[in-house]
Amino acid sequence: MRRGEIWWAELEPPAGRRPVVLLSRDEAYVVRSLIIVAPITTHIRHIPSEVPLGADDGMPQNCVANLDTITTIPKDCLRNRLAALSPQKMKEVEAAIHFALGMG
């Protein structure tokens, strides 16, 4: 597990099974049981706290990482790895986090 990877996760209802972007620092995956993720959704609102994802990012359909709903989940909710985001796409994720948290 590494920051920027996309994994399928089994989340509590109503979210259920959905892809998530891993946001924790890489070292956390070795020692932490809770990790920080951003859910991915096909409900696209076209706002600065969303990062568009598609086939170029390893996703089967157009969707977004929703950085307004960053959350922690148990690491054992992760099922299988789908893809890994490019360094450029991770810069977009970081910018969306800054926007979502009002950091400028």
PDB file of N, CA and C in Angstrom:
ATOM      1  N   MET A   1       0.842  -1.184   0.000  1.00  0.00           N
ATOM      2  CA  MET A   1       0.000   0.000   0.000  1.00  0.00           C
ATOM      3  C   MET A   1       0.881   1.239   0.000  1.00  0.00           C
ATOM      4  N   ARG A   2       0.477   2.188  -0.849  1.00  0.00           N
ATOM      5  CA  ARG A   2       1.225   3.438  -0.946  1.00  0.00           C
ATOM      6  C   ARG A   2       0.251   4.594  -1.174  1.00  0.00           C
ATOM      7  N   ARG A   3       0.653   5.767  -0.712  1.00  0.00           N
ATOM      8  CA  ARG A   3      -0.128   6.980  -0.935  1.00  0.00           C
ATOM      9  C   ARG A   3      -0.347   7.162  -2.439  1.00  0.00           C
ATOM     10  N   GLY A   4      -1.570   7.506  -2.825  1.00  0.00           N
ATOM     11  CA  GLY A   4      -1.891   7.724  -4.227  1.00  0.00           C
ATOM     12  C   GLY A   4      -2.436   6.508  -4.946  1.00  0.00           C
ATOM     13  N   GLU A   5      -2.438   5.360  -4.280  1.00  0.00           N
ATOM     14  CA  GLU A   5      -3.044   4.185  -4.901  1.00  0.00           C
ATOM     15  C   GLU A   5      -4.560   4.243  -4.753  1.00  0.00           C
ATOM     16  N   ILE A   6      -5.242   3.601  -5.679  1.00  0.00           N
ATOM     17  CA  ILE A   6      -6.696   3.466  -5.627  1.00  0.00           C
ATOM     18  C   ILE A   6      -7.007   2.006  -5.308  1.00  0.00           C
ATOM     19  N   TRP A   7      -7.811   1.810  -4.268  1.00  0.00           N
ATOM     20  CA  TRP A   7      -8.197   0.465  -3.821  1.00  0.00           C
ATOM     21  C   TRP A   7      -9.716   0.368  -3.730  1.00  0.00           C
ATOM     22  N   TRP A   8     -10.236  -0.843  -3.932  1.00  0.00           N
ATOM     23  CA  TRP A   8     -11.617  -1.123  -3.579  1.00  0.00           C
ATOM     24  C   TRP A   8     -11.683  -1.263  -2.066  1.00  0.00           C
ATOM     25  N   ALA A   9     -12.701  -0.658  -1.460  1.00  0.00           N
ATOM     26  CA  ALA A   9     -12.881  -0.741  -0.010  1.00  0.00           C
ATOM     27  C   ALA A   9     -14.318  -1.119   0.306  1.00  0.00           C
ATOM     28  N   GLU A  10     -14.484  -1.906   1.356  1.00  0.00           N
ATOM     29  CA  GLU A  10     -15.813  -2.246   1.881  1.00  0.00           C
ATOM     30  C   GLU A  10     -16.094  -1.285   3.027  1.00  0.00           C
ATOM     31  N   LEU A  11     -16.920  -0.261   2.760  1.00  0.00           N
ATOM     32  CA  LEU A  11     -17.225   0.770   3.747  1.00  0.00           C
ATOM     33  C   LEU A  11     -18.599   0.529   4.352  1.00  0.00           C
ATOM     34  N   GLU A  12     -18.848   1.213   5.451  1.00  0.00           N
ATOM     35  CA  GLU A  12     -20.152   1.128   6.105  1.00  0.00           C
ATOM     36  C   GLU A  12     -21.227   1.704   5.180  1.00  0.00           C
ATOM     37  N   PRO A  13     -22.464   1.203   5.294  1.00  0.00           N
ATOM     38  CA  PRO A  13     -23.558   1.808   4.532  1.00  0.00           C
ATOM     39  C   PRO A  13     -23.718   3.276   4.954  1.00  0.00           C
ATOM     40  N   PRO A  14     -24.100   4.170   4.107  1.00  0.00           N
ATOM     41  CA  PRO A  14     -24.629   3.907   2.777  1.00  0.00           C
ATOM     42  C   PRO A  14     -23.559   3.812   1.687  1.00  0.00           C
ATOM     43  N   ALA A  15     -22.304   4.082   2.008  1.00  0.00           N
ATOM     44  CA  ALA A  15     -21.256   4.094   0.978  1.00  0.00           C
ATOM     45  C   ALA A  15     -21.065   2.719   0.355  1.00  0.00           C
ATOM     46  N   GLY A  16     -20.982   1.684   1.186  1.00  0.00           N
ATOM     47  CA  GLY A  16     -20.800   0.326   0.682  1.00  0.00           C
ATOM     48  C   GLY A  16     -19.461   0.124  -0.009  1.00  0.00           C
ATOM     49  N   ARG A  17     -19.445  -0.778  -0.979  1.00  0.00           N
ATOM     50  CA  ARG A  17     -18.202  -1.085  -1.704  1.00  0.00           C
ATOM     51  C   ARG A  17     -17.938   0.018  -2.722  1.00  0.00           C
ATOM     52  N   ARG A  18     -16.757   0.644  -2.606  1.00  0.00           N
ATOM     53  CA  ARG A  18     -16.410   1.713  -3.538  1.00  0.00           C
ATOM     54  C   ARG A  18     -14.904   1.889  -3.583  1.00  0.00           C
ATOM     55  N   PRO A  19     -14.399   2.481  -4.659  1.00  0.00           N
ATOM     56  CA  PRO A  19     -12.971   2.771  -4.707  1.00  0.00           C
ATOM     57  C   PRO A  19     -12.634   3.975  -3.836  1.00  0.00           C
ATOM     58  N   VAL A  20     -11.418   3.965  -3.306  1.00  0.00           N
ATOM     59  CA  VAL A  20     -10.912   5.077  -2.500  1.00  0.00           C
ATOM     60  C   VAL A  20      -9.470   5.365  -2.914  1.00  0.00           C
ATOM     61  N   VAL A  21      -9.069   6.624  -2.736  1.00  0.00           N
ATOM     62  CA  VAL A  21      -7.671   7.011  -2.939  1.00  0.00           C
ATOM     63  C   VAL A  21      -6.994   7.003  -1.575  1.00  0.00           C
ATOM     64  N   LEU A  22      -5.856   6.333  -1.464  1.00  0.00           N
ATOM     65  CA  LEU A  22      -5.105   6.312  -0.211  1.00  0.00           C
ATOM     66  C   LEU A  22      -4.367   7.634  -0.043  1.00  0.00           C
ATOM     67  N   LEU A  23      -4.532   8.277   1.128  1.00  0.00           N
ATOM     68  CA  LEU A  23      -3.939   9.585   1.384  1.00  0.00           C
ATOM     69  C   LEU A  23      -2.911   9.588   2.510  1.00  0.00           C
ATOM     70  N   SER A  24      -2.890   8.554   3.332  1.00  0.00           N
ATOM     71  CA  SER A  24      -1.923   8.512   4.438  1.00  0.00           C
ATOM     72  C   SER A  24      -0.502   8.459   3.890  1.00  0.00           C
ATOM     73  N   ARG A  25       0.452   8.931   4.701  1.00  0.00           N
ATOM     74  CA  ARG A  25       1.862   8.805   4.302  1.00  0.00           C
ATOM     75  C   ARG A  25       2.214   7.324   4.236  1.00  0.00           C
ATOM     76  N   ASP A  26       3.155   6.973   3.378  1.00  0.00           N
ATOM     77  CA  ASP A  26       3.476   5.564   3.135  1.00  0.00           C
ATOM     78  C   ASP A  26       3.819   4.800   4.409  1.00  0.00           C
ATOM     79  N   GLU A  27       4.536   5.425   5.331  1.00  0.00           N
ATOM     80  CA  GLU A  27       4.959   4.747   6.561  1.00  0.00           C
ATOM     81  C   GLU A  27       3.769   4.314   7.422  1.00  0.00           C
ATOM     82  N   ALA A  28       2.649   5.014   7.307  1.00  0.00           N
ATOM     83  CA  ALA A  28       1.481   4.716   8.139  1.00  0.00           C
ATOM     84  C   ALA A  28       0.873   3.349   7.831  1.00  0.00           C
ATOM     85  N   TYR A  29       1.017   2.883   6.606  1.00  0.00           N
ATOM     86  CA  TYR A  29       0.379   1.616   6.234  1.00  0.00           C
ATOM     87  C   TYR A  29       1.013   0.422   6.934  1.00  0.00           C
ATOM     88  N   VAL A  30       2.230   0.591   7.414  1.00  0.00           N
ATOM     89  CA  VAL A  30       2.926  -0.489   8.114  1.00  0.00           C
ATOM     90  C   VAL A  30       2.498  -0.558   9.578  1.00  0.00           C
ATOM     91  N   VAL A  31       2.265   0.601  10.196  1.00  0.00           N
ATOM     92  CA  VAL A  31       2.073   0.634  11.647  1.00  0.00           C
ATOM     93  C   VAL A  31       0.664   1.016  12.099  1.00  0.00           C
ATOM     94  N   ARG A  32      -0.150   1.580  11.232  1.00  0.00           N
ATOM     95  CA  ARG A  32      -1.469   2.067  11.640  1.00  0.00           C
ATOM     96  C   ARG A  32      -2.570   1.101  11.221  1.00  0.00           C
ATOM     97  N   SER A  33      -3.598   0.991  12.053  1.00  0.00           N
ATOM     98  CA  SER A  33      -4.752   0.182  11.664  1.00  0.00           C
ATOM     99  C   SER A  33      -5.821   1.037  10.985  1.00  0.00           C
ATOM    100  N   LEU A  34      -5.809   2.359  11.240  1.00  0.00           N
ATOM    101  CA  LEU A  34      -6.708   3.293  10.563  1.00  0.00           C
ATOM    102  C   LEU A  34      -5.905   4.088   9.547  1.00  0.00           C
ATOM    103  N   ILE A  35      -6.477   4.271   8.353  1.00  0.00           N
ATOM    104  CA  ILE A  35      -5.791   5.019   7.306  1.00  0.00           C
ATOM    105  C   ILE A  35      -6.711   6.110   6.767  1.00  0.00           C
ATOM    106  N   ILE A  36      -6.117   7.118   6.146  1.00  0.00           N
ATOM    107  CA  ILE A  36      -6.862   8.243   5.593  1.00  0.00           C
ATOM    108  C   ILE A  36      -7.105   7.988   4.111  1.00  0.00           C
ATOM    109  N   VAL A  37      -8.364   8.155   3.696  1.00  0.00           N
ATOM    110  CA  VAL A  37      -8.730   7.934   2.299  1.00  0.00           C
ATOM    111  C   VAL A  37      -9.700   9.014   1.828  1.00  0.00           C
ATOM    112  N   ALA A  38      -9.815   9.118   0.508  1.00  0.00           N
ATOM    113  CA  ALA A  38     -10.854   9.938  -0.116  1.00  0.00           C
ATOM    114  C   ALA A  38     -11.707   9.013  -0.973  1.00  0.00           C
ATOM    115  N   PRO A  39     -13.015   9.013  -0.764  1.00  0.00           N
ATOM    116  CA  PRO A  39     -13.874   8.168  -1.585  1.00  0.00           C
ATOM    117  C   PRO A  39     -13.934   8.667  -3.027  1.00  0.00           C
ATOM    118  N   ILE A  40     -14.150   7.734  -3.922  1.00  0.00           N
ATOM    119  CA  ILE A  40     -14.319   8.040  -5.339  1.00  0.00           C
ATOM    120  C   ILE A  40     -15.783   7.817  -5.685  1.00  0.00           C
ATOM    121  N   THR A  41     -16.346   8.739  -6.462  1.00  0.00           N
ATOM    122  CA  THR A  41     -17.765   8.685  -6.800  1.00  0.00           C
ATOM    123  C   THR A  41     -17.990   9.031  -8.265  1.00  0.00           C
ATOM    124  N   THR A  42     -19.096   8.556  -8.807  1.00  0.00           N
ATOM    125  CA  THR A  42     -19.494   8.948 -10.158  1.00  0.00           C
ATOM    126  C   THR A  42     -20.425  10.155 -10.126  1.00  0.00           C
ATOM    127  N   HIS A  43     -20.771  10.625  -8.919  1.00  0.00           N
ATOM    128  CA  HIS A  43     -21.587  11.842  -8.773  1.00  0.00           C
ATOM    129  C   HIS A  43     -20.648  13.043  -8.902  1.00  0.00           C
ATOM    130  N   ILE A  44     -20.551  13.590 -10.094  1.00  0.00           N
ATOM    131  CA  ILE A  44     -19.579  14.645 -10.408  1.00  0.00           C
ATOM    132  C   ILE A  44     -20.257  16.005 -10.309  1.00  0.00           C
ATOM    133  N   ARG A  45     -19.680  16.888  -9.469  1.00  0.00           N
ATOM    134  CA  ARG A  45     -20.255  18.218  -9.254  1.00  0.00           C
ATOM    135  C   ARG A  45     -19.435  19.328  -9.901  1.00  0.00           C
ATOM    136  N   HIS A  46     -18.252  19.005 -10.405  1.00  0.00           N
ATOM    137  CA  HIS A  46     -17.374  19.993 -11.055  1.00  0.00           C
ATOM    138  C   HIS A  46     -17.007  21.132 -10.105  1.00  0.00           C
ATOM    139  N   ILE A  47     -16.519  20.780  -8.919  1.00  0.00           N
ATOM    140  CA  ILE A  47     -16.090  21.781  -7.945  1.00  0.00           C
ATOM    141  C   ILE A  47     -14.615  21.554  -7.614  1.00  0.00           C
ATOM    142  N   PRO A  48     -13.929  22.575  -7.077  1.00  0.00           N
ATOM    143  CA  PRO A  48     -12.478  22.475  -6.859  1.00  0.00           C
ATOM    144  C   PRO A  48     -12.029  21.414  -5.860  1.00  0.00           C
ATOM    145  N   SER A  49     -12.942  20.884  -5.063  1.00  0.00           N
ATOM    146  CA  SER A  49     -12.559  19.836  -4.110  1.00  0.00           C
ATOM    147  C   SER A  49     -12.684  18.436  -4.708  1.00  0.00           C
ATOM    148  N   GLU A  50     -12.962  18.358  -6.001  1.00  0.00           N
ATOM    149  CA  GLU A  50     -13.011  17.083  -6.707  1.00  0.00           C
ATOM    150  C   GLU A  50     -11.844  16.987  -7.684  1.00  0.00           C
ATOM    151  N   VAL A  51     -11.320  15.780  -7.846  1.00  0.00           N
ATOM    152  CA  VAL A  51     -10.270  15.519  -8.832  1.00  0.00           C
ATOM    153  C   VAL A  51     -10.829  14.516  -9.837  1.00  0.00           C
ATOM    154  N   PRO A  52     -10.958  14.936 -11.104  1.00  0.00           N
ATOM    155  CA  PRO A  52     -11.491  14.026 -12.119  1.00  0.00           C
ATOM    156  C   PRO A  52     -10.562  12.839 -12.360  1.00  0.00           C
ATOM    157  N   LEU A  53     -11.162  11.662 -12.506  1.00  0.00           N
ATOM    158  CA  LEU A  53     -10.432  10.432 -12.795  1.00  0.00           C
ATOM    159  C   LEU A  53     -11.129   9.717 -13.947  1.00  0.00           C
ATOM    160  N   GLY A  54     -10.344   9.016 -14.744  1.00  0.00           N
ATOM    161  CA  GLY A  54     -10.920   8.294 -15.875  1.00  0.00           C
ATOM    162  C   GLY A  54     -10.020   7.159 -16.311  1.00  0.00           C
ATOM    163  N   ALA A  55     -10.159   6.768 -17.558  1.00  0.00           N
ATOM    164  CA  ALA A  55      -9.408   5.632 -18.099  1.00  0.00           C
ATOM    165  C   ALA A  55      -7.902   5.833 -17.983  1.00  0.00           C
ATOM    166  N   ASP A  56      -7.420   7.053 -18.194  1.00  0.00           N
ATOM    167  CA  ASP A  56      -5.979   7.325 -18.081  1.00  0.00           C
ATOM    168  C   ASP A  56      -5.457   7.092 -16.666  1.00  0.00           C
ATOM    169  N   ASP A  57      -6.373   7.105 -15.690  1.00  0.00           N
ATOM    170  CA  ASP A  57      -6.001   6.897 -14.287  1.00  0.00           C
ATOM    171  C   ASP A  57      -6.295   5.470 -13.830  1.00  0.00           C
ATOM    172  N   GLY A  58      -6.699   4.615 -14.753  1.00  0.00           N
ATOM    173  CA  GLY A  58      -6.987   3.225 -14.419  1.00  0.00           C
ATOM    174  C   GLY A  58      -8.401   2.965 -13.951  1.00  0.00           C
ATOM    175  N   MET A  59      -9.291   3.942 -14.146  1.00  0.00           N
ATOM    176  CA  MET A  59     -10.673   3.771 -13.707  1.00  0.00           C
ATOM    177  C   MET A  59     -11.543   3.297 -14.869  1.00  0.00           C
ATOM    178  N   PRO A  60     -12.524   2.427 -14.598  1.00  0.00           N
ATOM    179  CA  PRO A  60     -13.356   1.889 -15.675  1.00  0.00           C
ATOM    180  C   PRO A  60     -14.361   2.890 -16.244  1.00  0.00           C
ATOM    181  N   GLN A  61     -14.647   3.972 -15.497  1.00  0.00           N
ATOM    182  CA  GLN A  61     -15.565   5.004 -15.979  1.00  0.00           C
ATOM    183  C   GLN A  61     -15.160   6.342 -15.388  1.00  0.00           C
ATOM    184  N   ASN A  62     -15.693   7.420 -15.958  1.00  0.00           N
ATOM    185  CA  ASN A  62     -15.383   8.745 -15.436  1.00  0.00           C
ATOM    186  C   ASN A  62     -15.958   8.892 -14.031  1.00  0.00           C
ATOM    187  N   CYS A  63     -15.148   9.465 -13.151  1.00  0.00           N
ATOM    188  CA  CYS A  63     -15.525   9.623 -11.755  1.00  0.00           C
ATOM    189  C   CYS A  63     -14.648  10.717 -11.150  1.00  0.00           C
ATOM    190  N   VAL A  64     -14.801  10.959  -9.861  1.00  0.00           N
ATOM    191  CA  VAL A  64     -13.976  11.942  -9.162  1.00  0.00           C
ATOM    192  C   VAL A  64     -13.579  11.416  -7.791  1.00  0.00           C
ATOM    193  N   ALA A  65     -12.398  11.838  -7.350  1.00  0.00           N
ATOM    194  CA  ALA A  65     -12.029  11.679  -5.945  1.00  0.00           C
ATOM    195  C   ALA A  65     -12.625  12.880  -5.227  1.00  0.00           C
ATOM    196  N   ASN A  66     -13.425  12.632  -4.207  1.00  0.00           N
ATOM    197  CA  ASN A  66     -14.114  13.702  -3.486  1.00  0.00           C
ATOM    198  C   ASN A  66     -13.327  14.042  -2.225  1.00  0.00           C
ATOM    199  N   LEU A  67     -12.582  15.147  -2.274  1.00  0.00           N
ATOM    200  CA  LEU A  67     -11.747  15.530  -1.143  1.00  0.00           C
ATOM    201  C   LEU A  67     -12.521  16.291  -0.073  1.00  0.00           C
ATOM    202  N   ASP A  68     -13.809  16.569  -0.310  1.00  0.00           N
ATOM    203  CA  ASP A  68     -14.657  17.124   0.745  1.00  0.00           C
ATOM    204  C   ASP A  68     -15.029  16.062   1.769  1.00  0.00           C
ATOM    205  N   THR A  69     -14.882  14.798   1.408  1.00  0.00           N
ATOM    206  CA  THR A  69     -15.313  13.720   2.302  1.00  0.00           C
ATOM    207  C   THR A  69     -14.150  12.813   2.698  1.00  0.00           C
ATOM    208  N   ILE A  70     -12.993  13.411   2.940  1.00  0.00           N
ATOM    209  CA  ILE A  70     -11.847  12.659   3.457  1.00  0.00           C
ATOM    210  C   ILE A  70     -12.275  11.992   4.765  1.00  0.00           C
ATOM    211  N   THR A  71     -11.854  10.754   4.946  1.00  0.00           N
ATOM    212  CA  THR A  71     -12.240  10.022   6.148  1.00  0.00           C
ATOM    213  C   THR A  71     -11.150   9.027   6.535  1.00  0.00           C
ATOM    214  N   THR A  72     -11.257   8.489   7.733  1.00  0.00           N
ATOM    215  CA  THR A  72     -10.380   7.387   8.130  1.00  0.00           C
ATOM    216  C   THR A  72     -11.197   6.104   8.106  1.00  0.00           C
ATOM    217  N   ILE A  73     -10.533   5.034   7.693  1.00  0.00           N
ATOM    218  CA  ILE A  73     -11.177   3.723   7.663  1.00  0.00           C
ATOM    219  C   ILE A  73     -10.190   2.691   8.194  1.00  0.00           C
ATOM    220  N   PRO A  74     -10.683   1.570   8.715  1.00  0.00           N
ATOM    221  CA  PRO A  74      -9.769   0.488   9.080  1.00  0.00           C
ATOM    222  C   PRO A  74      -9.059  -0.035   7.828  1.00  0.00           C
ATOM    223  N   LYS A  75      -7.774  -0.250   7.961  1.00  0.00           N
ATOM    224  CA  LYS A  75      -6.984  -0.738   6.825  1.00  0.00           C
ATOM    225  C   LYS A  75      -7.541  -2.052   6.286  1.00  0.00           C
ATOM    226  N   ASP A  76      -8.117  -2.865   7.163  1.00  0.00           N
ATOM    227  CA  ASP A  76      -8.624  -4.156   6.697  1.00  0.00           C
ATOM    228  C   ASP A  76      -9.917  -4.053   5.878  1.00  0.00           C
ATOM    229  N   CYS A  77     -10.428  -2.832   5.672  1.00  0.00           N
ATOM    230  CA  CYS A  77     -11.557  -2.627   4.754  1.00  0.00           C
ATOM    231  C   CYS A  77     -11.116  -2.672   3.295  1.00  0.00           C
ATOM    232  N   LEU A  78      -9.808  -2.512   3.060  1.00  0.00           N
ATOM    233  CA  LEU A  78      -9.298  -2.513   1.688  1.00  0.00           C
ATOM    234  C   LEU A  78      -9.320  -3.926   1.127  1.00  0.00           C
ATOM    235  N   ARG A  79      -9.747  -4.058  -0.120  1.00  0.00           N
ATOM    236  CA  ARG A  79      -9.863  -5.370  -0.749  1.00  0.00           C
ATOM    237  C   ARG A  79      -8.802  -5.606  -1.817  1.00  0.00           C
ATOM    238  N   ASN A  80      -8.810  -4.842  -2.888  1.00  0.00           N
ATOM    239  CA  ASN A  80      -7.810  -5.052  -3.937  1.00  0.00           C
ATOM    240  C   ASN A  80      -7.448  -3.726  -4.607  1.00  0.00           C
ATOM    241  N   ARG A  81      -6.211  -3.668  -5.068  1.00  0.00           N
ATOM    242  CA  ARG A  81      -5.671  -2.458  -5.689  1.00  0.00           C
ATOM    243  C   ARG A  81      -6.176  -2.349  -7.124  1.00  0.00           C
ATOM    244  N   LEU A  82      -6.633  -1.143  -7.475  1.00  0.00           N
ATOM    245  CA  LEU A  82      -7.105  -0.882  -8.834  1.00  0.00           C
ATOM    246  C   LEU A  82      -6.048  -0.191  -9.688  1.00  0.00           C
ATOM    247  N   ALA A  83      -5.380   0.812  -9.117  1.00  0.00           N
ATOM    248  CA  ALA A  83      -4.481   1.657  -9.906  1.00  0.00           C
ATOM    249  C   ALA A  83      -3.632   2.496  -8.965  1.00  0.00           C
ATOM    250  N   ALA A  84      -2.749   3.275  -9.559  1.00  0.00           N
ATOM    251  CA  ALA A  84      -1.958   4.256  -8.811  1.00  0.00           C
ATOM    252  C   ALA A  84      -1.985   5.562  -9.591  1.00  0.00           C
ATOM    253  N   LEU A  85      -2.209   6.666  -8.893  1.00  0.00           N
ATOM    254  CA  LEU A  85      -2.269   7.967  -9.548  1.00  0.00           C
ATOM    255  C   LEU A  85      -0.871   8.461  -9.904  1.00  0.00           C
ATOM    256  N   SER A  86      -0.790   9.212 -10.981  1.00  0.00           N
ATOM    257  CA  SER A  86       0.475   9.802 -11.422  1.00  0.00           C
ATOM    258  C   SER A  86       0.880  10.915 -10.463  1.00  0.00           C
ATOM    259  N   PRO A  87       2.159  11.297 -10.465  1.00  0.00           N
ATOM    260  CA  PRO A  87       2.586  12.434  -9.637  1.00  0.00           C
ATOM    261  C   PRO A  87       1.796  13.708  -9.954  1.00  0.00           C
ATOM    262  N   GLN A  88       1.490  13.947 -11.223  1.00  0.00           N
ATOM    263  CA  GLN A  88       0.710  15.135 -11.591  1.00  0.00           C
ATOM    264  C   GLN A  88      -0.698  15.066 -11.010  1.00  0.00           C
ATOM    265  N   LYS A  89      -1.322  13.896 -11.079  1.00  0.00           N
ATOM    266  CA  LYS A  89      -2.673  13.748 -10.528  1.00  0.00           C
ATOM    267  C   LYS A  89      -2.644  13.910  -9.007  1.00  0.00           C
ATOM    268  N   MET A  90      -1.570  13.453  -8.350  1.00  0.00           N
ATOM    269  CA  MET A  90      -1.462  13.640  -6.901  1.00  0.00           C
ATOM    270  C   MET A  90      -1.311  15.114  -6.545  1.00  0.00           C
ATOM    271  N   LYS A  91      -0.681  15.910  -7.409  1.00  0.00           N
ATOM    272  CA  LYS A  91      -0.632  17.362  -7.177  1.00  0.00           C
ATOM    273  C   LYS A  91      -2.040  17.944  -7.216  1.00  0.00           C
ATOM    274  N   GLU A  92      -2.873  17.432  -8.118  1.00  0.00           N
ATOM    275  CA  GLU A  92      -4.270  17.870  -8.168  1.00  0.00           C
ATOM    276  C   GLU A  92      -5.008  17.466  -6.892  1.00  0.00           C
ATOM    277  N   VAL A  93      -4.733  16.272  -6.395  1.00  0.00           N
ATOM    278  CA  VAL A  93      -5.338  15.813  -5.139  1.00  0.00           C
ATOM    279  C   VAL A  93      -4.924  16.738  -3.998  1.00  0.00           C
ATOM    280  N   GLU A  94      -3.648  17.078  -3.921  1.00  0.00           N
ATOM    281  CA  GLU A  94      -3.164  17.962  -2.859  1.00  0.00           C
ATOM    282  C   GLU A  94      -3.809  19.339  -2.952  1.00  0.00           C
ATOM    283  N   ALA A  95      -3.970  19.873  -4.168  1.00  0.00           N
ATOM    284  CA  ALA A  95      -4.630  21.172  -4.341  1.00  0.00           C
ATOM    285  C   ALA A  95      -6.093  21.094  -3.903  1.00  0.00           C
ATOM    286  N   ALA A  96      -6.758  19.986  -4.209  1.00  0.00           N
ATOM    287  CA  ALA A  96      -8.155  19.815  -3.809  1.00  0.00           C
ATOM    288  C   ALA A  96      -8.286  19.695  -2.293  1.00  0.00           C
ATOM    289  N   ILE A  97      -7.314  19.051  -1.647  1.00  0.00           N
ATOM    290  CA  ILE A  97      -7.309  18.975  -0.181  1.00  0.00           C
ATOM    291  C   ILE A  97      -7.176  20.376   0.403  1.00  0.00           C
ATOM    292  N   HIS A  98      -6.263  21.164  -0.127  1.00  0.00           N
ATOM    293  CA  HIS A  98      -6.087  22.541   0.354  1.00  0.00           C
ATOM    294  C   HIS A  98      -7.385  23.321   0.213  1.00  0.00           C
ATOM    295  N   PHE A  99      -8.059  23.179  -0.924  1.00  0.00           N
ATOM    296  CA  PHE A  99      -9.329  23.878  -1.122  1.00  0.00           C
ATOM    297  C   PHE A  99     -10.373  23.389  -0.121  1.00  0.00           C
ATOM    298  N   ALA A 100     -10.512  22.067   0.001  1.00  0.00           N
ATOM    299  CA  ALA A 100     -11.537  21.493   0.880  1.00  0.00           C
ATOM    300  C   ALA A 100     -11.349  21.915   2.333  1.00  0.00           C
ATOM    301  N   LEU A 101     -10.100  22.074   2.751  1.00  0.00           N
ATOM    302  CA  LEU A 101      -9.812  22.440   4.141  1.00  0.00           C
ATOM    303  C   LEU A 101      -9.632  23.942   4.341  1.00  0.00           C
ATOM    304  N   GLY A 102      -9.838  24.723   3.277  1.00  0.00           N
ATOM    305  CA  GLY A 102      -9.717  26.173   3.380  1.00  0.00           C
ATOM    306  C   GLY A 102      -8.301  26.637   3.648  1.00  0.00           C
ATOM    307  N   MET A 103      -7.334  25.915   3.091  1.00  0.00           N
ATOM    308  CA  MET A 103      -5.928  26.228   3.346  1.00  0.00           C
ATOM    309  C   MET A 103      -5.319  27.113   2.260  1.00  0.00           C
ATOM    310  N   GLY A 104      -6.132  27.616   1.369  1.00  0.00           N
ATOM    311  CA  GLY A 104      -5.617  28.533   0.345  1.00  0.00           C
ATOM    312  C   GLY A 104      -5.567  27.988  -1.025  1.00  0.00           C
TER     313      GLY A 104
END
